[in-house]
């Protein structure tokens, strides 16, 4: 979703991606600073969460009510979500859920393995994001197949990342190989 500059001024956009940098959802809202509280709120539609889309078929849209607020030790992510059955006849509310996630600063030494992994993979994943950008630019709607060759998209992209590091691929090779994989998963004509 690309918002006109007038809609974004003074507002904050939260874009959420899956682990393979494919899109999940995004929302826009305004930060409010009052009575010592600093919070942001957005409401937006999204596909089913990863934890549910392979197990549930009784609803097809999650209306996300996201709230982020700063705490003394980090920040809190609060959700007021509505599970909706959307049809051409309209929306029907199936259920509501409440979620809380607290994020606090931790000792960076605990994440040394992840930092080393990222250092080796960062250029590959930057190229993956560039390929996704070109996919979004060419397709107003993006829909992805579930599995190919018994694997979901992110498994193939992570395998490519390991090969890229091992075989010292350059950006052109990364983008070419990533595009081939993503193209196999894209559902055309949506």
N, C-alpha and C. Protein backbone atom coordinates (compact mmCIF):
# COMPACT_ATOMS: atom_id res chain seq x y z
N UNK A 1 0.84 -1.17 0.00
CA UNK A 1 0.00 0.00 0.00
C UNK A 1 0.89 1.23 0.00
N UNK A 2 0.66 2.13 -0.93
CA UNK A 2 1.39 3.38 -0.97
C UNK A 2 0.43 4.50 -0.62
N UNK A 3 0.75 5.23 0.40
CA UNK A 3 -0.12 6.30 0.87
C UNK A 3 0.34 7.64 0.31
N UNK A 4 -0.61 8.52 -0.05
CA UNK A 4 -0.23 9.87 -0.48
C UNK A 4 0.51 10.59 0.65
N UNK A 5 1.45 11.43 0.29
CA UNK A 5 2.27 12.13 1.29
C UNK A 5 1.40 12.87 2.30
N UNK A 6 0.28 13.46 1.87
CA UNK A 6 -0.59 14.20 2.78
C UNK A 6 -1.16 13.29 3.87
N UNK A 7 -1.38 12.01 3.56
CA UNK A 7 -1.93 11.07 4.53
C UNK A 7 -0.88 10.61 5.54
N UNK A 8 0.39 10.73 5.19
CA UNK A 8 1.46 10.20 6.02
C UNK A 8 2.06 11.26 6.95
N UNK A 9 1.97 12.52 6.56
CA UNK A 9 2.62 13.57 7.34
C UNK A 9 2.19 13.53 8.79
N UNK A 10 3.16 13.43 9.70
CA UNK A 10 2.88 13.40 11.11
C UNK A 10 2.36 12.06 11.62
N UNK A 11 2.34 11.07 10.74
CA UNK A 11 1.83 9.75 11.11
C UNK A 11 2.96 8.73 10.96
N UNK A 12 2.75 7.56 11.51
CA UNK A 12 3.76 6.51 11.51
C UNK A 12 3.17 5.26 10.88
N UNK A 13 3.89 4.67 9.94
CA UNK A 13 3.43 3.46 9.26
C UNK A 13 4.19 2.26 9.82
N UNK A 14 3.46 1.25 10.23
CA UNK A 14 4.05 -0.01 10.69
C UNK A 14 3.85 -1.03 9.56
N UNK A 15 4.96 -1.49 8.97
CA UNK A 15 4.89 -2.52 7.94
C UNK A 15 5.42 -3.81 8.55
N UNK A 16 4.65 -4.87 8.38
CA UNK A 16 5.03 -6.16 8.95
C UNK A 16 5.26 -7.14 7.81
N UNK A 17 6.42 -7.77 7.85
CA UNK A 17 6.82 -8.73 6.82
C UNK A 17 6.96 -10.11 7.45
N UNK A 18 6.89 -11.13 6.61
CA UNK A 18 7.16 -12.48 7.07
C UNK A 18 8.68 -12.68 7.09
N UNK A 19 9.13 -13.82 7.55
CA UNK A 19 10.56 -14.06 7.67
C UNK A 19 11.28 -14.07 6.33
N UNK A 20 10.55 -14.26 5.22
CA UNK A 20 11.17 -14.23 3.90
C UNK A 20 10.99 -12.88 3.21
N UNK A 21 10.59 -11.86 3.97
CA UNK A 21 10.35 -10.49 3.50
C UNK A 21 9.14 -10.36 2.59
N UNK A 22 8.31 -11.39 2.50
CA UNK A 22 7.04 -11.22 1.81
C UNK A 22 6.10 -10.43 2.73
N UNK A 23 5.09 -9.75 2.16
CA UNK A 23 4.27 -8.86 2.97
C UNK A 23 3.30 -9.61 3.89
N UNK A 24 3.07 -9.05 5.06
CA UNK A 24 2.01 -9.54 5.95
C UNK A 24 0.88 -8.50 5.96
N UNK A 25 1.17 -7.32 6.52
CA UNK A 25 0.18 -6.26 6.58
C UNK A 25 0.87 -4.97 6.95
N UNK A 26 0.14 -3.87 6.86
CA UNK A 26 0.65 -2.59 7.35
C UNK A 26 -0.50 -1.75 7.85
N UNK A 27 -0.16 -0.88 8.79
CA UNK A 27 -1.15 0.02 9.36
C UNK A 27 -0.53 1.39 9.55
N UNK A 28 -1.38 2.40 9.61
CA UNK A 28 -0.91 3.77 9.80
C UNK A 28 -1.65 4.39 10.98
N UNK A 29 -0.92 5.15 11.77
CA UNK A 29 -1.52 5.81 12.92
C UNK A 29 -0.67 6.98 13.38
N UNK A 30 -1.14 7.66 14.39
CA UNK A 30 -0.45 8.84 14.92
C UNK A 30 0.04 8.55 16.33
N UNK A 31 1.26 8.94 16.62
CA UNK A 31 1.76 8.85 17.99
C UNK A 31 1.08 9.94 18.82
N UNK A 32 0.66 9.57 20.02
CA UNK A 32 0.02 10.50 20.94
C UNK A 32 0.89 10.56 22.19
N UNK A 33 1.20 11.77 22.62
CA UNK A 33 2.03 11.97 23.81
C UNK A 33 1.23 12.83 24.79
N UNK A 34 0.66 12.18 25.81
CA UNK A 34 -0.19 12.90 26.75
C UNK A 34 -0.10 12.25 28.14
N UNK A 35 -0.10 13.05 29.17
CA UNK A 35 -0.08 12.58 30.56
C UNK A 35 1.05 11.59 30.81
N UNK A 36 2.20 11.82 30.21
CA UNK A 36 3.35 10.94 30.43
C UNK A 36 3.29 9.63 29.66
N UNK A 37 2.25 9.43 28.86
CA UNK A 37 2.13 8.21 28.05
C UNK A 37 2.49 8.54 26.60
N UNK A 38 3.11 7.58 25.95
CA UNK A 38 3.50 7.72 24.55
C UNK A 38 2.98 6.48 23.84
N UNK A 39 1.94 6.65 23.00
CA UNK A 39 1.37 5.48 22.36
C UNK A 39 0.93 5.78 20.93
N UNK A 40 0.81 4.68 20.18
CA UNK A 40 0.42 4.71 18.77
C UNK A 40 -0.67 3.68 18.57
N UNK A 41 -1.66 3.99 17.72
CA UNK A 41 -2.76 3.05 17.48
C UNK A 41 -3.06 3.01 15.99
N UNK A 42 -3.38 1.81 15.53
CA UNK A 42 -3.76 1.60 14.13
C UNK A 42 -4.78 0.47 14.06
N UNK A 43 -5.63 0.53 13.06
CA UNK A 43 -6.54 -0.58 12.79
C UNK A 43 -6.47 -0.88 11.30
N UNK A 44 -6.25 -2.16 10.95
CA UNK A 44 -6.08 -2.54 9.56
C UNK A 44 -6.43 -4.01 9.36
N UNK A 45 -6.82 -4.36 8.16
CA UNK A 45 -7.07 -5.76 7.83
C UNK A 45 -5.77 -6.48 7.53
N UNK A 46 -5.75 -7.78 7.81
CA UNK A 46 -4.59 -8.60 7.45
C UNK A 46 -5.05 -10.01 7.15
N UNK A 47 -4.18 -10.77 6.49
CA UNK A 47 -4.48 -12.20 6.34
C UNK A 47 -4.42 -12.89 7.70
N UNK A 48 -4.80 -14.15 7.73
CA UNK A 48 -4.71 -14.91 8.98
C UNK A 48 -3.26 -14.97 9.45
N UNK A 49 -3.04 -14.98 10.76
CA UNK A 49 -1.68 -15.13 11.28
C UNK A 49 -1.09 -16.48 10.88
N UNK A 50 0.23 -16.54 10.82
CA UNK A 50 0.91 -17.79 10.46
C UNK A 50 0.48 -18.94 11.36
N UNK A 51 0.23 -18.64 12.62
CA UNK A 51 -0.13 -19.70 13.57
C UNK A 51 -1.48 -20.33 13.24
N UNK A 52 -2.27 -19.69 12.37
CA UNK A 52 -3.62 -20.17 12.12
C UNK A 52 -3.94 -20.52 10.67
N UNK A 53 -3.26 -19.94 9.69
CA UNK A 53 -3.75 -20.11 8.32
C UNK A 53 -3.64 -21.54 7.80
N UNK A 54 -2.78 -22.36 8.40
CA UNK A 54 -2.71 -23.76 7.97
C UNK A 54 -3.66 -24.66 8.76
N UNK A 55 -4.26 -24.11 9.83
CA UNK A 55 -5.10 -24.93 10.70
C UNK A 55 -6.56 -24.53 10.68
N UNK A 56 -6.86 -23.32 10.23
CA UNK A 56 -8.23 -22.82 10.33
C UNK A 56 -8.75 -22.39 8.97
N UNK A 57 -10.05 -22.62 8.78
CA UNK A 57 -10.70 -22.15 7.56
C UNK A 57 -12.04 -21.50 7.88
N UNK A 58 -12.28 -21.23 9.15
CA UNK A 58 -13.58 -20.67 9.55
C UNK A 58 -13.64 -19.15 9.49
N UNK A 59 -12.53 -18.49 9.19
CA UNK A 59 -12.52 -17.05 8.94
C UNK A 59 -11.41 -16.74 7.95
N UNK A 60 -11.48 -15.56 7.31
CA UNK A 60 -10.51 -15.26 6.27
C UNK A 60 -9.86 -13.89 6.38
N UNK A 61 -10.24 -13.08 7.37
CA UNK A 61 -9.63 -11.77 7.58
C UNK A 61 -9.44 -11.55 9.07
N UNK A 62 -8.29 -11.00 9.42
CA UNK A 62 -8.07 -10.58 10.80
C UNK A 62 -8.02 -9.05 10.80
N UNK A 63 -8.97 -8.42 11.46
CA UNK A 63 -8.98 -6.96 11.59
C UNK A 63 -8.15 -6.64 12.82
N UNK A 64 -6.95 -6.12 12.59
CA UNK A 64 -5.99 -5.90 13.66
C UNK A 64 -6.15 -4.51 14.28
N UNK A 65 -6.35 -4.47 15.56
CA UNK A 65 -6.30 -3.23 16.31
C UNK A 65 -4.98 -3.24 17.08
N UNK A 66 -3.98 -2.56 16.55
CA UNK A 66 -2.63 -2.58 17.15
C UNK A 66 -2.39 -1.30 17.94
N UNK A 67 -1.81 -1.48 19.12
CA UNK A 67 -1.43 -0.35 19.96
C UNK A 67 -0.02 -0.62 20.47
N UNK A 68 0.82 0.36 20.31
CA UNK A 68 2.20 0.28 20.81
C UNK A 68 2.37 1.41 21.81
N UNK A 69 2.88 1.08 22.97
CA UNK A 69 3.21 2.16 23.90
C UNK A 69 4.52 1.88 24.60
N UNK A 70 5.22 2.98 24.84
CA UNK A 70 6.54 2.91 25.45
C UNK A 70 6.41 2.66 26.95
N UNK A 71 7.32 1.85 27.47
CA UNK A 71 7.37 1.57 28.91
C UNK A 71 8.74 1.99 29.42
N UNK A 72 8.94 1.90 30.72
CA UNK A 72 10.22 2.27 31.31
C UNK A 72 11.36 1.37 30.86
N UNK A 73 11.05 0.11 30.48
CA UNK A 73 12.10 -0.85 30.11
C UNK A 73 12.07 -1.25 28.64
N UNK A 74 11.20 -0.64 27.84
CA UNK A 74 11.09 -1.03 26.44
C UNK A 74 9.78 -0.56 25.86
N UNK A 75 8.98 -1.52 25.38
CA UNK A 75 7.68 -1.16 24.83
C UNK A 75 6.73 -2.34 24.88
N UNK A 76 5.43 -2.02 24.81
CA UNK A 76 4.38 -3.02 24.87
C UNK A 76 3.61 -2.97 23.55
N UNK A 77 3.27 -4.15 23.05
CA UNK A 77 2.46 -4.28 21.84
C UNK A 77 1.15 -4.94 22.27
N UNK A 78 0.07 -4.19 22.17
CA UNK A 78 -1.24 -4.68 22.59
C UNK A 78 -2.12 -4.82 21.35
N UNK A 79 -2.88 -5.91 21.29
CA UNK A 79 -3.73 -6.16 20.13
C UNK A 79 -5.18 -6.39 20.57
N UNK A 80 -6.09 -5.78 19.83
CA UNK A 80 -7.53 -6.05 19.95
C UNK A 80 -7.97 -6.46 18.55
N UNK A 81 -8.01 -7.76 18.30
CA UNK A 81 -8.25 -8.28 16.96
C UNK A 81 -9.64 -8.87 16.81
N UNK A 82 -10.16 -8.75 15.59
CA UNK A 82 -11.46 -9.32 15.25
C UNK A 82 -11.26 -10.34 14.13
N UNK A 83 -11.73 -11.55 14.36
CA UNK A 83 -11.68 -12.60 13.35
C UNK A 83 -12.97 -12.50 12.54
N UNK A 84 -12.82 -12.24 11.24
CA UNK A 84 -13.95 -11.90 10.39
C UNK A 84 -14.09 -12.89 9.24
N UNK A 85 -15.33 -13.23 8.93
CA UNK A 85 -15.65 -13.98 7.73
C UNK A 85 -16.11 -12.93 6.71
N UNK A 86 -15.29 -12.71 5.68
CA UNK A 86 -15.60 -11.70 4.67
C UNK A 86 -16.10 -12.39 3.41
N UNK A 87 -17.27 -11.98 2.96
CA UNK A 87 -17.87 -12.50 1.73
C UNK A 87 -18.37 -11.30 0.92
N UNK A 88 -18.77 -11.53 -0.32
CA UNK A 88 -19.35 -10.42 -1.10
C UNK A 88 -20.58 -9.81 -0.42
N UNK A 89 -21.26 -10.58 0.41
CA UNK A 89 -22.44 -10.08 1.12
C UNK A 89 -22.07 -9.19 2.30
N UNK A 90 -20.81 -9.19 2.72
CA UNK A 90 -20.39 -8.36 3.84
C UNK A 90 -19.54 -9.13 4.84
N UNK A 91 -19.26 -8.47 5.95
CA UNK A 91 -18.43 -9.05 7.01
C UNK A 91 -19.29 -9.60 8.14
N UNK A 92 -18.86 -10.74 8.69
CA UNK A 92 -19.51 -11.33 9.85
C UNK A 92 -18.43 -11.57 10.89
N UNK A 93 -18.62 -11.04 12.08
CA UNK A 93 -17.66 -11.22 13.17
C UNK A 93 -17.79 -12.62 13.74
N UNK A 94 -16.68 -13.36 13.74
CA UNK A 94 -16.66 -14.71 14.28
C UNK A 94 -16.21 -14.71 15.74
N UNK A 95 -15.14 -13.95 16.03
CA UNK A 95 -14.59 -13.93 17.40
C UNK A 95 -13.70 -12.70 17.55
N UNK A 96 -13.39 -12.40 18.81
CA UNK A 96 -12.44 -11.34 19.12
C UNK A 96 -11.33 -11.94 19.98
N UNK A 97 -10.14 -11.38 19.87
CA UNK A 97 -9.03 -11.84 20.71
C UNK A 97 -8.26 -10.64 21.22
N UNK A 98 -7.61 -10.85 22.34
CA UNK A 98 -6.79 -9.82 22.98
C UNK A 98 -5.39 -10.38 23.11
N UNK A 99 -4.41 -9.58 22.77
CA UNK A 99 -3.04 -10.04 22.88
C UNK A 99 -2.13 -8.99 23.49
N UNK A 100 -1.13 -9.45 24.22
CA UNK A 100 -0.12 -8.57 24.81
C UNK A 100 1.25 -9.16 24.54
N UNK A 101 2.16 -8.32 24.08
CA UNK A 101 3.55 -8.74 23.94
C UNK A 101 4.41 -7.63 24.53
N UNK A 102 5.29 -8.01 25.45
CA UNK A 102 6.16 -7.03 26.08
C UNK A 102 7.58 -7.20 25.55
N UNK A 103 8.20 -6.10 25.19
CA UNK A 103 9.57 -6.11 24.66
C UNK A 103 10.45 -5.31 25.59
N UNK A 104 11.50 -5.95 26.12
CA UNK A 104 12.43 -5.28 27.02
C UNK A 104 13.84 -5.45 26.49
N UNK A 105 14.67 -4.50 26.81
CA UNK A 105 16.07 -4.54 26.37
C UNK A 105 16.78 -5.69 27.07
N UNK A 106 17.55 -6.43 26.29
CA UNK A 106 18.29 -7.58 26.82
C UNK A 106 19.77 -7.40 26.51
N UNK A 107 20.59 -8.18 27.17
CA UNK A 107 22.03 -8.15 26.96
C UNK A 107 22.35 -8.59 25.53
N UNK A 108 22.97 -7.72 24.71
CA UNK A 108 23.27 -8.08 23.32
C UNK A 108 24.15 -9.33 23.19
N UNK A 109 24.92 -9.66 24.21
CA UNK A 109 25.78 -10.84 24.14
C UNK A 109 24.95 -12.12 23.98
N UNK A 110 23.70 -12.09 24.43
CA UNK A 110 22.84 -13.25 24.30
C UNK A 110 22.48 -13.55 22.85
N UNK A 111 22.74 -12.59 21.97
CA UNK A 111 22.33 -12.72 20.58
C UNK A 111 23.51 -12.77 19.63
N UNK A 112 24.67 -13.17 20.12
CA UNK A 112 25.87 -13.15 19.27
C UNK A 112 25.74 -14.08 18.06
N UNK A 113 25.09 -15.24 18.24
CA UNK A 113 24.92 -16.15 17.10
C UNK A 113 24.07 -15.47 16.02
N UNK A 114 22.96 -14.85 16.42
CA UNK A 114 22.09 -14.18 15.46
C UNK A 114 22.81 -13.02 14.78
N UNK A 115 23.62 -12.29 15.54
CA UNK A 115 24.36 -11.17 14.96
C UNK A 115 25.38 -11.65 13.93
N UNK A 116 26.04 -12.76 14.21
CA UNK A 116 27.00 -13.32 13.24
C UNK A 116 26.28 -13.82 11.99
N UNK A 117 25.14 -14.50 12.20
CA UNK A 117 24.36 -14.97 11.07
C UNK A 117 23.95 -13.80 10.18
N UNK A 118 23.43 -12.74 10.81
CA UNK A 118 22.98 -11.58 10.05
C UNK A 118 24.13 -10.93 9.30
N UNK A 119 25.28 -10.85 9.93
CA UNK A 119 26.44 -10.25 9.27
C UNK A 119 26.77 -11.00 7.98
N UNK A 120 26.67 -12.31 7.99
CA UNK A 120 26.98 -13.10 6.80
C UNK A 120 25.86 -13.05 5.76
N UNK A 121 24.62 -12.84 6.19
CA UNK A 121 23.45 -12.93 5.30
C UNK A 121 22.86 -11.57 4.88
N UNK A 122 23.31 -10.50 5.48
CA UNK A 122 22.67 -9.21 5.29
C UNK A 122 22.60 -8.77 3.82
N UNK A 123 23.66 -8.92 3.08
CA UNK A 123 23.61 -8.46 1.68
C UNK A 123 22.63 -9.30 0.86
N UNK A 124 22.57 -10.60 1.14
CA UNK A 124 21.60 -11.45 0.44
C UNK A 124 20.18 -10.98 0.73
N UNK A 125 19.85 -10.75 2.00
CA UNK A 125 18.49 -10.36 2.36
C UNK A 125 18.16 -8.94 1.89
N UNK A 126 19.16 -8.07 1.75
CA UNK A 126 18.92 -6.77 1.13
C UNK A 126 18.49 -6.97 -0.33
N UNK A 127 19.12 -7.92 -1.01
CA UNK A 127 18.74 -8.22 -2.38
C UNK A 127 17.35 -8.85 -2.45
N UNK A 128 17.01 -9.70 -1.48
CA UNK A 128 15.66 -10.28 -1.43
C UNK A 128 14.64 -9.15 -1.33
N UNK A 129 14.88 -8.17 -0.46
CA UNK A 129 13.95 -7.06 -0.30
C UNK A 129 13.81 -6.27 -1.61
N UNK A 130 14.91 -6.08 -2.33
CA UNK A 130 14.84 -5.37 -3.62
C UNK A 130 14.00 -6.14 -4.63
N UNK A 131 14.12 -7.46 -4.62
CA UNK A 131 13.29 -8.26 -5.53
C UNK A 131 11.83 -8.12 -5.14
N UNK A 132 11.53 -8.20 -3.84
CA UNK A 132 10.14 -8.02 -3.41
C UNK A 132 9.62 -6.65 -3.83
N UNK A 133 10.44 -5.62 -3.71
CA UNK A 133 10.02 -4.27 -4.13
C UNK A 133 9.61 -4.26 -5.59
N UNK A 134 10.35 -4.98 -6.43
CA UNK A 134 10.00 -5.02 -7.86
C UNK A 134 8.72 -5.84 -8.09
N UNK A 135 8.52 -6.88 -7.28
CA UNK A 135 7.29 -7.67 -7.38
C UNK A 135 6.09 -6.79 -7.02
N UNK A 136 6.19 -6.02 -5.91
CA UNK A 136 5.09 -5.15 -5.50
C UNK A 136 4.81 -4.08 -6.56
N UNK A 137 5.87 -3.53 -7.14
CA UNK A 137 5.70 -2.47 -8.15
C UNK A 137 4.96 -2.99 -9.39
N UNK A 138 5.14 -4.26 -9.70
CA UNK A 138 4.54 -4.83 -10.91
C UNK A 138 3.19 -5.49 -10.66
N UNK A 139 2.81 -5.68 -9.40
CA UNK A 139 1.59 -6.40 -9.07
C UNK A 139 0.80 -5.67 -7.99
N UNK A 140 -0.37 -5.12 -8.34
CA UNK A 140 -1.15 -4.42 -7.32
C UNK A 140 -1.63 -5.35 -6.21
N UNK A 141 -1.81 -6.64 -6.54
CA UNK A 141 -2.19 -7.64 -5.55
C UNK A 141 -1.20 -8.79 -5.65
N UNK A 142 -0.71 -9.23 -4.51
CA UNK A 142 0.25 -10.34 -4.49
C UNK A 142 -0.36 -11.49 -3.72
N UNK A 143 -0.42 -12.65 -4.35
CA UNK A 143 -0.92 -13.85 -3.68
C UNK A 143 0.11 -14.96 -3.92
N UNK A 144 0.42 -15.71 -2.86
CA UNK A 144 1.50 -16.69 -2.88
C UNK A 144 0.94 -18.10 -2.70
N UNK A 145 1.46 -19.05 -3.46
CA UNK A 145 1.12 -20.47 -3.29
C UNK A 145 1.62 -20.95 -1.93
N UNK A 146 0.96 -21.96 -1.38
CA UNK A 146 1.36 -22.51 -0.09
C UNK A 146 2.68 -23.27 -0.14
N UNK A 147 2.75 -24.33 -0.94
CA UNK A 147 3.95 -25.16 -1.00
C UNK A 147 4.30 -25.50 -2.43
N UNK A 148 5.59 -25.61 -2.68
CA UNK A 148 6.15 -26.11 -3.94
C UNK A 148 7.25 -27.08 -3.56
N UNK A 149 7.25 -28.23 -4.17
CA UNK A 149 8.25 -29.27 -3.86
C UNK A 149 8.26 -29.58 -2.36
N UNK A 150 7.10 -29.50 -1.72
CA UNK A 150 7.00 -29.83 -0.30
C UNK A 150 7.52 -28.76 0.64
N UNK A 151 7.85 -27.57 0.12
CA UNK A 151 8.39 -26.50 0.97
C UNK A 151 7.59 -25.21 0.76
N UNK A 152 7.49 -24.44 1.84
CA UNK A 152 6.90 -23.11 1.72
C UNK A 152 7.99 -22.16 1.24
N UNK A 153 7.57 -20.99 0.77
CA UNK A 153 8.49 -20.04 0.14
C UNK A 153 9.71 -19.72 1.00
N UNK A 154 9.49 -19.43 2.28
CA UNK A 154 10.63 -19.01 3.10
C UNK A 154 11.70 -20.09 3.19
N UNK A 155 11.31 -21.37 3.14
CA UNK A 155 12.31 -22.44 3.20
C UNK A 155 13.24 -22.38 1.99
N UNK A 156 12.67 -22.16 0.82
CA UNK A 156 13.50 -22.05 -0.39
C UNK A 156 14.39 -20.81 -0.32
N UNK A 157 13.85 -19.68 0.17
CA UNK A 157 14.66 -18.46 0.23
C UNK A 157 15.78 -18.58 1.25
N UNK A 158 15.53 -19.24 2.38
CA UNK A 158 16.60 -19.44 3.35
C UNK A 158 17.68 -20.38 2.80
N UNK A 159 17.26 -21.42 2.06
CA UNK A 159 18.24 -22.31 1.41
C UNK A 159 19.11 -21.52 0.44
N UNK A 160 18.48 -20.64 -0.34
CA UNK A 160 19.26 -19.80 -1.27
C UNK A 160 20.23 -18.90 -0.53
N UNK A 161 19.81 -18.36 0.60
CA UNK A 161 20.70 -17.51 1.39
C UNK A 161 21.95 -18.25 1.82
N UNK A 162 21.77 -19.49 2.27
CA UNK A 162 22.93 -20.29 2.66
C UNK A 162 23.84 -20.56 1.46
N UNK A 163 23.25 -20.86 0.30
CA UNK A 163 24.06 -21.08 -0.91
C UNK A 163 24.79 -19.81 -1.32
N UNK A 164 24.10 -18.68 -1.23
CA UNK A 164 24.70 -17.40 -1.59
C UNK A 164 25.95 -17.13 -0.76
N UNK A 165 25.85 -17.36 0.54
CA UNK A 165 27.00 -17.13 1.43
C UNK A 165 28.12 -18.12 1.11
N UNK A 166 27.77 -19.39 0.97
CA UNK A 166 28.76 -20.44 0.72
C UNK A 166 29.47 -20.26 -0.62
N UNK A 167 28.70 -19.87 -1.64
CA UNK A 167 29.26 -19.76 -2.99
C UNK A 167 29.65 -18.32 -3.36
N UNK A 168 29.52 -17.38 -2.43
CA UNK A 168 29.93 -15.98 -2.61
C UNK A 168 29.25 -15.34 -3.82
N UNK A 169 27.90 -15.43 -3.86
CA UNK A 169 27.16 -14.82 -4.96
C UNK A 169 27.22 -13.30 -4.86
N UNK A 170 27.20 -12.65 -6.01
CA UNK A 170 27.08 -11.19 -6.02
C UNK A 170 25.60 -10.82 -6.06
N UNK A 171 25.33 -9.50 -6.03
CA UNK A 171 23.94 -9.03 -5.97
C UNK A 171 23.13 -9.48 -7.19
N UNK A 172 23.74 -9.45 -8.36
CA UNK A 172 23.01 -9.85 -9.57
C UNK A 172 22.58 -11.31 -9.50
N UNK A 173 23.47 -12.18 -9.03
CA UNK A 173 23.15 -13.60 -8.90
C UNK A 173 22.07 -13.80 -7.83
N UNK A 174 22.21 -13.10 -6.69
CA UNK A 174 21.18 -13.19 -5.64
C UNK A 174 19.81 -12.84 -6.20
N UNK A 175 19.72 -11.70 -6.86
CA UNK A 175 18.43 -11.22 -7.36
C UNK A 175 17.86 -12.17 -8.41
N UNK A 176 18.70 -12.68 -9.28
CA UNK A 176 18.24 -13.60 -10.33
C UNK A 176 17.66 -14.87 -9.72
N UNK A 177 18.38 -15.47 -8.77
CA UNK A 177 17.93 -16.72 -8.15
C UNK A 177 16.69 -16.51 -7.28
N UNK A 178 16.67 -15.41 -6.55
CA UNK A 178 15.52 -15.11 -5.69
C UNK A 178 14.28 -14.88 -6.55
N UNK A 179 14.43 -14.14 -7.65
CA UNK A 179 13.28 -13.86 -8.51
C UNK A 179 12.71 -15.16 -9.10
N UNK A 180 13.57 -16.08 -9.47
CA UNK A 180 13.10 -17.37 -10.00
C UNK A 180 12.23 -18.10 -8.96
N UNK A 181 12.68 -18.10 -7.73
CA UNK A 181 11.94 -18.79 -6.67
C UNK A 181 10.62 -18.09 -6.40
N UNK A 182 10.65 -16.78 -6.23
CA UNK A 182 9.42 -16.04 -5.94
C UNK A 182 8.42 -16.21 -7.08
N UNK A 183 8.90 -16.14 -8.32
CA UNK A 183 8.00 -16.29 -9.47
C UNK A 183 7.29 -17.64 -9.46
N UNK A 184 7.95 -18.67 -8.98
CA UNK A 184 7.32 -19.99 -8.91
C UNK A 184 6.14 -20.00 -7.93
N UNK A 185 6.19 -19.16 -6.90
CA UNK A 185 5.15 -19.13 -5.88
C UNK A 185 4.03 -18.12 -6.17
N UNK A 186 4.29 -17.15 -7.03
CA UNK A 186 3.27 -16.14 -7.31
C UNK A 186 2.09 -16.75 -8.03
N UNK A 187 0.90 -16.44 -7.56
CA UNK A 187 -0.32 -16.85 -8.23
C UNK A 187 -0.67 -15.73 -9.19
N UNK A 188 -0.66 -16.03 -10.47
CA UNK A 188 -0.88 -15.03 -11.51
C UNK A 188 -2.37 -14.73 -11.66
N UNK A 189 -2.67 -13.51 -12.10
CA UNK A 189 -4.03 -13.15 -12.45
C UNK A 189 -4.95 -12.86 -11.29
N UNK A 190 -4.39 -12.45 -10.13
CA UNK A 190 -5.26 -12.09 -9.00
C UNK A 190 -5.46 -10.60 -8.93
